[in-house]
Protein backbone atom coordinates (compact mmCIF):
# COMPACT_ATOMS: atom_id res chain seq x y z
CA MET A 1 169.52 207.87 80.91
CA ARG A 2 168.92 205.94 77.69
CA SER A 3 166.79 202.82 78.00
CA TRP A 4 168.06 199.44 76.86
CA THR A 5 165.64 199.52 73.91
CA SER A 6 166.63 203.01 72.78
CA PHE A 7 170.29 202.04 73.03
CA ALA A 8 169.63 198.97 70.86
CA VAL A 9 167.75 201.02 68.26
CA GLY A 10 170.47 203.66 68.06
CA PHE A 11 173.31 201.18 68.01
CA THR A 12 171.68 199.04 65.33
CA ALA A 13 170.93 202.06 63.15
CA GLU A 14 174.50 203.31 63.56
CA ARG A 15 175.94 199.99 62.41
CA GLU A 16 173.48 199.35 59.59
CA PHE A 17 175.63 201.06 56.95
CA LYS A 18 178.55 198.75 57.78
CA ARG A 19 176.68 195.56 56.99
CA GLY A 20 177.83 193.84 53.82
CA VAL A 21 176.29 190.83 52.15
CA VAL A 22 178.45 189.03 49.63
CA SER A 23 182.01 188.07 50.62
CA SER A 24 184.77 189.95 48.88
CA SER A 25 187.03 186.89 48.83
CA ALA A 26 186.99 184.13 46.21
CA ASP A 27 186.53 181.49 48.90
CA PRO A 28 184.16 182.74 51.62
CA ARG A 29 185.43 181.80 55.07
CA ILE A 30 183.53 181.12 58.27
CA LEU A 31 185.02 180.85 61.75
CA VAL A 32 182.97 178.89 64.28
CA VAL A 33 183.96 179.45 67.92
CA VAL A 34 183.17 176.96 70.69
CA GLY A 35 184.03 177.33 74.36
CA THR A 36 181.96 174.97 76.50
CA ARG A 37 180.29 171.59 76.20
CA PRO A 38 176.79 172.99 75.53
CA GLU A 39 178.21 175.19 72.78
CA ALA A 40 179.96 172.19 71.23
CA ILE A 41 176.77 170.13 71.23
CA LYS A 42 174.68 172.95 69.81
CA MET A 43 177.23 174.01 67.18
CA ALA A 44 177.86 170.48 65.91
CA PRO A 45 174.83 170.46 63.55
CA VAL A 46 175.85 173.87 62.17
CA VAL A 47 179.45 172.82 61.56
CA GLN A 48 178.33 169.59 59.91
CA ALA A 49 176.05 171.48 57.52
CA LEU A 50 178.70 174.11 56.73
CA ARG A 51 181.47 171.58 56.12
CA ALA A 52 179.22 169.68 53.73
CA ASP A 53 179.15 172.68 51.37
CA GLU A 54 182.26 173.13 49.25
CA ARG A 55 181.45 176.77 48.41
CA VAL A 56 182.73 177.94 51.79
CA ARG A 57 185.73 177.21 53.97
CA THR A 58 184.75 176.47 57.59
CA THR A 59 187.24 176.74 60.44
CA VAL A 60 186.49 175.67 64.03
CA ALA A 61 188.24 177.17 67.05
CA PHE A 62 187.93 175.87 70.61
CA THR A 63 188.69 178.44 73.29
CA GLY A 64 189.12 175.74 75.93
CA GLN A 65 186.89 177.46 78.49
CA HIS A 66 185.75 173.95 79.50
CA ASP A 67 188.36 171.77 77.86
CA ASP A 68 187.63 168.39 79.49
CA LEU A 69 183.87 168.68 78.98
CA VAL A 70 184.24 169.67 75.33
CA ASP A 71 186.55 166.72 74.73
CA GLN A 72 183.61 164.41 75.54
CA VAL A 73 181.66 165.81 72.61
CA LEU A 74 184.36 165.04 70.04
CA SER A 75 183.68 161.32 70.23
CA VAL A 76 180.02 161.88 69.43
CA PHE A 77 180.00 164.64 66.79
CA PRO A 78 182.37 165.43 63.88
CA LEU A 79 183.59 168.68 65.40
CA ALA A 80 187.36 168.40 65.17
CA PRO A 81 188.90 171.83 65.83
CA ASP A 82 191.38 173.57 63.57
CA TYR A 83 192.53 175.77 66.49
CA ASP A 84 192.57 174.91 70.19
CA LEU A 85 193.40 177.96 72.29
CA GLY A 86 193.64 176.04 75.57
CA ILE A 87 192.77 179.00 77.77
CA MET A 88 191.45 176.99 80.72
CA ARG A 89 193.34 177.49 83.98
CA GLU A 90 192.79 176.02 87.42
CA ALA A 91 190.37 178.18 89.44
CA GLN A 92 190.05 180.50 86.46
CA SER A 93 188.07 183.73 86.79
CA LEU A 94 185.99 185.55 84.21
CA TYR A 95 188.94 187.89 83.79
CA ASP A 96 191.14 184.93 82.87
CA VAL A 97 188.60 183.75 80.28
CA ALA A 98 188.22 187.29 78.94
CA GLY A 99 191.95 187.77 78.45
CA GLY A 100 192.46 184.36 76.89
CA CYS A 101 189.58 184.77 74.45
CA LEU A 102 190.43 188.30 73.41
CA GLU A 103 194.00 187.43 72.55
CA GLY A 104 193.40 183.92 71.25
CA ILE A 105 190.46 184.72 68.98
CA ARG A 106 192.24 187.84 67.71
CA ASP A 107 195.22 185.73 66.68
CA THR A 108 192.94 183.08 65.16
CA ILE A 109 191.09 185.70 63.09
CA HIS A 110 194.39 187.14 61.89
CA ALA A 111 195.47 183.64 60.84
CA CYS A 112 192.34 182.48 59.00
CA ARG A 113 190.77 185.82 57.92
CA PRO A 114 187.08 184.82 58.11
CA ASP A 115 184.21 186.76 56.57
CA VAL A 116 181.88 185.72 59.41
CA VAL A 117 182.40 184.64 63.02
CA LEU A 118 179.69 182.34 64.39
CA VAL A 119 179.11 182.04 68.14
CA GLN A 120 176.41 180.24 70.10
CA GLY A 121 174.62 181.05 73.31
CA ASP A 122 175.62 183.11 76.32
CA THR A 123 179.01 182.16 77.71
CA ALA A 124 182.12 184.27 78.25
CA SER A 125 183.65 182.68 75.15
CA VAL A 126 180.64 183.77 73.12
CA PHE A 127 180.66 187.42 74.17
CA PHE A 128 184.40 187.99 74.01
CA SER A 129 184.67 186.23 70.64
CA ALA A 130 181.86 188.39 69.28
CA LEU A 131 183.65 191.45 70.67
CA VAL A 132 186.84 190.51 68.83
CA GLY A 133 184.82 190.06 65.65
CA PHE A 134 183.47 193.57 66.11
CA PHE A 135 186.93 194.98 66.81
CA GLU A 136 188.20 193.32 63.62
CA ARG A 137 185.19 194.60 61.60
CA ILE A 138 184.05 191.07 60.80
CA ARG A 139 180.37 190.16 60.73
CA VAL A 140 179.12 188.16 63.69
CA GLY A 141 176.41 185.49 63.58
CA HIS A 142 174.74 184.69 66.90
CA VAL A 143 173.17 181.26 67.13
CA GLU A 144 170.46 181.25 69.83
CA ALA A 145 170.00 185.02 69.74
CA GLY A 146 167.19 186.81 71.52
CA LEU A 147 166.63 184.73 74.65
CA ARG A 148 165.80 186.94 77.63
CA SER A 149 165.02 186.18 81.27
CA GLY A 150 164.04 189.76 82.06
CA ASP A 151 166.58 189.89 84.90
CA ARG A 152 170.13 191.05 84.16
CA GLN A 153 171.36 189.19 87.25
CA ALA A 154 169.84 185.79 86.39
CA PRO A 155 171.31 183.75 84.97
CA TRP A 156 174.51 185.55 85.97
CA PRO A 157 176.58 186.52 84.05
CA GLU A 158 175.09 184.72 81.07
CA GLU A 159 172.03 186.95 80.68
CA MET A 160 174.24 189.99 80.17
CA PHE A 161 176.67 188.12 77.93
CA ARG A 162 173.76 187.18 75.67
CA ARG A 163 172.34 190.70 75.57
CA LEU A 164 175.72 192.25 74.82
CA THR A 165 176.46 189.68 72.14
CA ASP A 166 173.22 190.64 70.42
CA GLN A 167 174.50 194.23 70.28
CA LEU A 168 177.52 193.01 68.30
CA THR A 169 175.57 190.74 65.96
CA ASP A 170 174.89 190.96 62.21
CA PHE A 171 173.11 187.62 61.67
CA TYR A 172 170.49 186.88 64.35
CA PHE A 173 169.54 183.22 64.54
CA ALA A 174 166.56 183.23 66.92
CA PRO A 175 165.58 179.73 68.01
CA THR A 176 161.88 180.51 68.54
CA PRO A 177 159.26 183.11 67.60
CA SER A 178 159.42 184.38 71.19
CA ALA A 179 163.15 185.08 70.85
CA ARG A 180 162.46 186.90 67.61
CA ARG A 181 159.88 189.12 69.31
CA ASN A 182 162.42 190.01 71.99
CA LEU A 183 164.88 191.18 69.36
CA VAL A 184 162.27 193.18 67.46
CA ALA A 185 161.22 194.87 70.71
CA GLU A 186 164.84 195.91 71.24
CA GLY A 187 165.02 197.55 67.84
CA VAL A 188 166.77 194.90 65.75
CA PRO A 189 165.67 195.25 62.09
CA GLU A 190 163.34 192.37 61.27
CA HIS A 191 165.13 191.42 58.04
CA LEU A 192 168.26 190.55 60.05
CA ILE A 193 166.41 188.01 62.24
CA HIS A 194 165.83 184.40 61.22
CA VAL A 195 163.79 181.92 63.27
CA THR A 196 165.65 178.64 62.89
CA GLY A 197 164.68 176.39 65.79
CA ASN A 198 167.26 175.43 68.37
CA THR A 199 170.20 173.37 67.18
CA VAL A 200 170.15 171.29 70.36
CA VAL A 201 167.06 169.54 69.01
CA ASP A 202 169.07 168.57 65.92
CA ALA A 203 171.85 167.14 68.09
CA LEU A 204 169.43 165.38 70.41
CA LEU A 205 167.50 163.68 67.59
CA ASP A 206 170.78 162.61 66.00
CA VAL A 207 172.02 161.01 69.20
CA ARG A 208 168.65 159.49 70.08
CA GLY A 209 168.61 157.74 66.71
CA ARG A 210 171.83 155.92 67.49
CA LEU A 211 171.59 155.28 71.23
CA GLY A 212 173.00 152.00 72.43
CA GLU A 213 173.41 150.65 75.93
CA PRO A 214 174.74 153.24 78.39
CA THR A 215 178.47 153.11 78.84
CA ASP A 216 178.24 154.20 82.47
CA PRO A 217 177.47 151.14 84.64
CA THR A 218 175.59 153.13 87.30
CA LEU A 219 173.28 154.62 84.69
CA ALA A 220 172.78 151.23 83.07
CA ASP A 221 171.76 149.83 86.45
CA LEU A 222 169.32 152.66 87.10
CA ILE A 223 167.69 152.33 83.69
CA SER A 224 167.31 148.56 83.94
CA GLY A 225 165.98 148.61 87.50
CA PRO A 226 162.32 148.83 88.52
CA GLU A 227 162.78 151.77 90.89
CA PRO A 228 162.23 155.35 89.67
CA PHE A 229 165.16 157.73 89.59
CA ALA A 230 165.46 161.49 89.52
CA LEU A 231 168.11 163.21 87.42
CA LEU A 232 169.70 166.20 89.14
CA THR A 233 171.89 168.85 87.48
CA ALA A 234 172.77 171.97 89.47
CA HIS A 235 175.77 174.17 88.78
CA ARG A 236 174.79 177.80 88.11
CA ARG A 237 176.80 180.55 89.79
CA GLU A 238 173.75 182.26 91.28
CA SER A 239 173.03 179.03 93.18
CA PHE A 240 176.43 178.76 94.84
CA GLY A 241 176.35 178.67 98.63
CA ALA A 242 173.05 178.69 100.53
CA PRO A 243 170.73 178.16 97.50
CA LEU A 244 172.58 175.00 96.44
CA ARG A 245 172.52 173.67 100.00
CA GLU A 246 168.77 174.29 100.07
CA VAL A 247 168.38 172.17 96.94
CA PHE A 248 170.44 169.37 98.46
CA SER A 249 168.36 169.52 101.64
CA ALA A 250 165.21 169.03 99.58
CA ILE A 251 166.76 166.04 97.82
CA LEU A 252 167.56 164.37 101.13
CA GLU A 253 164.01 164.86 102.39
CA LEU A 254 162.57 163.45 99.18
CA LEU A 255 164.62 160.29 99.66
CA GLU A 256 163.27 159.95 103.19
CA GLU A 257 159.72 160.16 101.84
CA HIS A 258 160.23 157.85 98.85
CA GLU A 259 162.10 154.72 99.90
CA ASP A 260 162.36 153.40 96.34
CA LEU A 261 163.60 156.63 94.78
CA ARG A 262 167.20 157.03 93.62
CA VAL A 263 168.99 160.16 92.46
CA LEU A 264 171.55 160.43 89.69
CA TYR A 265 173.71 163.55 89.95
CA PRO A 266 176.46 164.14 87.34
CA VAL A 267 178.42 166.73 89.31
CA HIS A 268 179.94 169.76 87.62
CA PRO A 269 183.71 169.90 88.30
CA ASN A 270 183.58 173.43 89.77
CA PRO A 271 184.76 173.08 93.41
CA LEU A 272 181.93 175.34 94.59
CA VAL A 273 179.53 172.67 93.32
CA ALA A 274 181.48 169.46 93.83
CA GLY A 275 182.52 170.31 97.42
CA PRO A 276 179.01 170.83 98.87
CA ALA A 277 177.69 167.90 96.81
CA ARG A 278 180.18 165.49 98.33
CA GLU A 279 179.73 166.96 101.81
CA LEU A 280 175.93 166.85 101.91
CA LEU A 281 175.00 164.05 99.51
CA GLY A 282 178.04 161.82 99.24
CA ALA A 283 177.19 159.46 102.10
CA HIS A 284 173.66 158.56 100.98
CA ASP A 285 173.46 155.11 99.40
CA ARG A 286 170.67 156.07 96.96
CA ILE A 287 172.39 159.19 95.65
CA HIS A 288 174.83 158.49 92.85
CA LEU A 289 177.38 161.27 92.46
CA MET A 290 179.45 160.88 89.32
CA GLU A 291 181.59 162.65 86.76
CA PRO A 292 179.71 164.41 83.94
CA LEU A 293 178.14 161.82 81.65
CA SER A 294 178.90 161.49 77.97
CA TYR A 295 176.23 163.18 75.89
CA PRO A 296 174.66 159.90 74.68
CA ASP A 297 174.46 158.66 78.27
CA PHE A 298 172.98 161.97 79.38
CA VAL A 299 170.34 161.73 76.66
CA ALA A 300 169.50 158.22 77.87
CA ALA A 301 169.23 159.51 81.44
CA MET A 302 166.85 162.30 80.41
CA ALA A 303 164.69 159.85 78.48
CA ARG A 304 164.36 157.37 81.37
CA ALA A 305 164.26 159.62 84.45
CA ALA A 306 160.98 159.96 86.31
CA VAL A 307 161.70 163.65 86.86
CA ILE A 308 164.55 166.07 86.21
CA LEU A 309 165.60 168.78 88.66
CA SER A 310 167.89 171.18 86.86
CA ASP A 311 169.13 174.75 86.58
CA SER A 312 170.39 174.06 83.05
CA GLY A 313 169.02 175.94 80.08
CA GLY A 314 169.79 173.12 77.67
CA VAL A 315 167.85 170.56 79.69
CA GLN A 316 164.74 172.73 79.41
CA GLU A 317 165.11 172.50 75.63
CA GLU A 318 165.94 168.80 75.46
CA ALA A 319 163.57 167.13 77.94
CA PRO A 320 160.35 168.00 76.02
CA THR A 321 161.41 165.55 73.30
CA PHE A 322 160.90 162.75 75.84
CA GLY A 323 158.01 164.23 77.80
CA THR A 324 160.14 164.12 80.95
CA PRO A 325 158.95 166.72 83.51
CA VAL A 326 161.55 169.32 84.44
CA LEU A 327 161.61 171.26 87.70
CA VAL A 328 163.69 174.35 86.98
CA LEU A 329 165.90 175.30 89.93
CA ARG A 330 165.79 178.98 89.02
CA GLU A 331 163.49 181.90 89.71
CA VAL A 332 163.37 183.03 86.07
CA THR A 333 164.02 181.39 82.73
CA GLU A 334 165.01 182.75 79.35
CA ARG A 335 163.24 179.75 77.83
CA PRO A 336 159.57 180.46 78.65
CA GLU A 337 158.42 178.03 75.97
CA ALA A 338 159.25 175.13 78.30
CA VAL A 339 156.93 176.49 81.00
CA GLU A 340 154.21 177.60 78.59
CA SER A 341 154.09 174.15 76.97
CA GLY A 342 153.72 172.47 80.35
CA CYS A 343 157.07 170.68 80.07
CA ALA A 344 158.69 172.60 82.93
CA VAL A 345 157.84 174.25 86.24
CA LEU A 346 159.85 177.04 87.86
CA VAL A 347 160.58 176.05 91.47
CA GLY A 348 163.69 178.10 92.27
CA THR A 349 165.89 176.86 95.10
CA ASP A 350 163.27 177.06 97.83
CA ARG A 351 163.14 173.74 99.67
CA ASN A 352 159.36 173.66 100.13
CA ARG A 353 158.61 174.52 96.50
CA ILE A 354 161.01 171.83 95.32
CA LEU A 355 159.42 169.25 97.60
CA GLU A 356 155.87 170.06 96.55
CA ALA A 357 156.61 170.06 92.83
CA THR A 358 158.70 166.89 92.93
CA ARG A 359 156.06 165.01 94.88
CA SER A 360 153.52 165.97 92.26
CA ALA A 361 155.79 164.99 89.38
CA LEU A 362 156.62 161.61 90.92
CA ALA A 363 152.95 160.87 91.58
CA SER A 364 152.04 161.40 87.92
CA SER A 365 155.20 160.22 86.17
CA ASP A 366 155.24 156.90 84.38
CA VAL A 367 158.12 156.49 81.96
CA ARG A 368 156.40 153.67 80.11
CA ASP A 369 153.20 155.64 79.54
CA ARG A 370 155.00 158.64 78.07
CA GLU A 371 157.15 156.68 75.63
CA GLY A 372 156.16 157.70 72.12
CA SER A 373 153.52 160.11 73.38
CA ALA A 374 155.59 163.26 73.91
CA ALA A 375 154.32 166.29 72.03
CA ALA A 376 156.45 168.07 69.44
CA ASN A 377 159.38 169.87 71.02
CA PRO A 378 158.53 173.61 71.19
CA PHE A 379 162.18 174.48 70.59
CA GLY A 380 162.71 173.07 67.13
CA ASP A 381 162.16 170.46 64.44
CA GLY A 382 165.69 169.13 64.02
CA LYS A 383 166.65 171.24 60.99
CA ALA A 384 168.09 174.34 62.65
CA GLY A 385 171.71 173.64 61.71
CA GLU A 386 170.75 173.20 58.07
CA ARG A 387 168.85 176.51 58.09
CA ILE A 388 171.69 178.45 59.73
CA ALA A 389 174.27 177.13 57.28
CA ASP A 390 171.97 177.90 54.37
CA ILE A 391 171.43 181.51 55.50
CA VAL A 392 175.13 182.21 56.01
CA ILE A 393 176.24 180.58 52.76
CA ALA A 394 173.56 182.37 50.75
CA ALA A 395 174.64 185.70 52.26
CA LEU A 396 178.32 185.10 51.53
CA THR A 397 177.92 183.72 48.00
CA GLY A 398 175.01 185.85 46.81
CA GLY A 399 173.01 182.71 46.11
CA SER A 400 169.42 181.87 46.94
CA ARG A 401 168.30 180.17 50.12
CA ALA A 402 167.21 176.55 49.90
CA THR A 403 165.35 176.56 53.22
CA ASP A 404 162.64 178.61 54.90
CA ASP A 405 162.58 179.96 58.44
CA TRP A 406 160.97 177.74 61.04
CA ALA A 407 157.35 178.66 61.79
CA GLY A 408 157.50 177.41 65.38
CA GLU A 409 154.97 175.22 67.14
């Protein structure tokens, strides 16, 4: 049986002769695909940089994998779509998303004839859009390439979506030196990999610079009050069922131990998350269950929380900007930089580990003391979108790059 690395080496070598550089069209065209809220946030800086350059024509397509959540981003970032596929269905399965993306992105590519398709991250929309690009013999750029947890089952199915997308990729935009090393180890030619930083840092710094008062009254009350609050986000598929209930049990015990602690939980709309959350946490007067926050409000919550308990990948990248400790509700992470920098601790969904780590974080957390003292974010410097746009435009036009790769922290 061929190993994953040998497969990557062979596949990359086989495709190398197909890789072009300069666009054959007079007006180079780029298609940016977005499917979920995190993708929209992280692609916004790239789209903004691309649309600012008149040498290329940039088209944005929303798959609609998470239509309501993506809509929230449009009021914050200039990301208006040219195509909205609207594939979301009630109780949709991965098969539904796959079918919708394959047909919808195929039709979009036939309509706009791009030279490059740009995708971001590890969702179903990302992989199936990259697959269509490959089927149509169009170069694929993968923003946030090279992240690896080391476990194909976690996060599921995102880890495999990301790995497979990297097998279909022509432009590898690795957010960190660690991600670059992962790609090199898998046989990706080094000249195809660019370390750019993570675009979420760009988006976060942009929003932080224009934060006003929170629009959500519950969040405004928590921020203005003297009591500490914990921010909880838990929604990953591998946590459904018993693991998620274990997390909620730990939260309830923490509230018994800390009479002044409150918990803010923007609940993901998936019924397998929202149902148990309402059942187990809904009656507690110091647990605030709410609809997903707008991105500016979520940034404000991250900045002011005493501690964050989360299974989100994006939160691990964002929280270091504020020095807010993150307890990662997963057994493995594809973002080891957060743990290595001391910004995050892996606690999984084990009740005792969560309790011990949260107690420690609450004992040492003082929001006022950490204001202005957070170290540089290990995931980027706020210029990733500019770098990615520069690389793609230079490749399509035959021009010179105006930026250098990010050296990392």
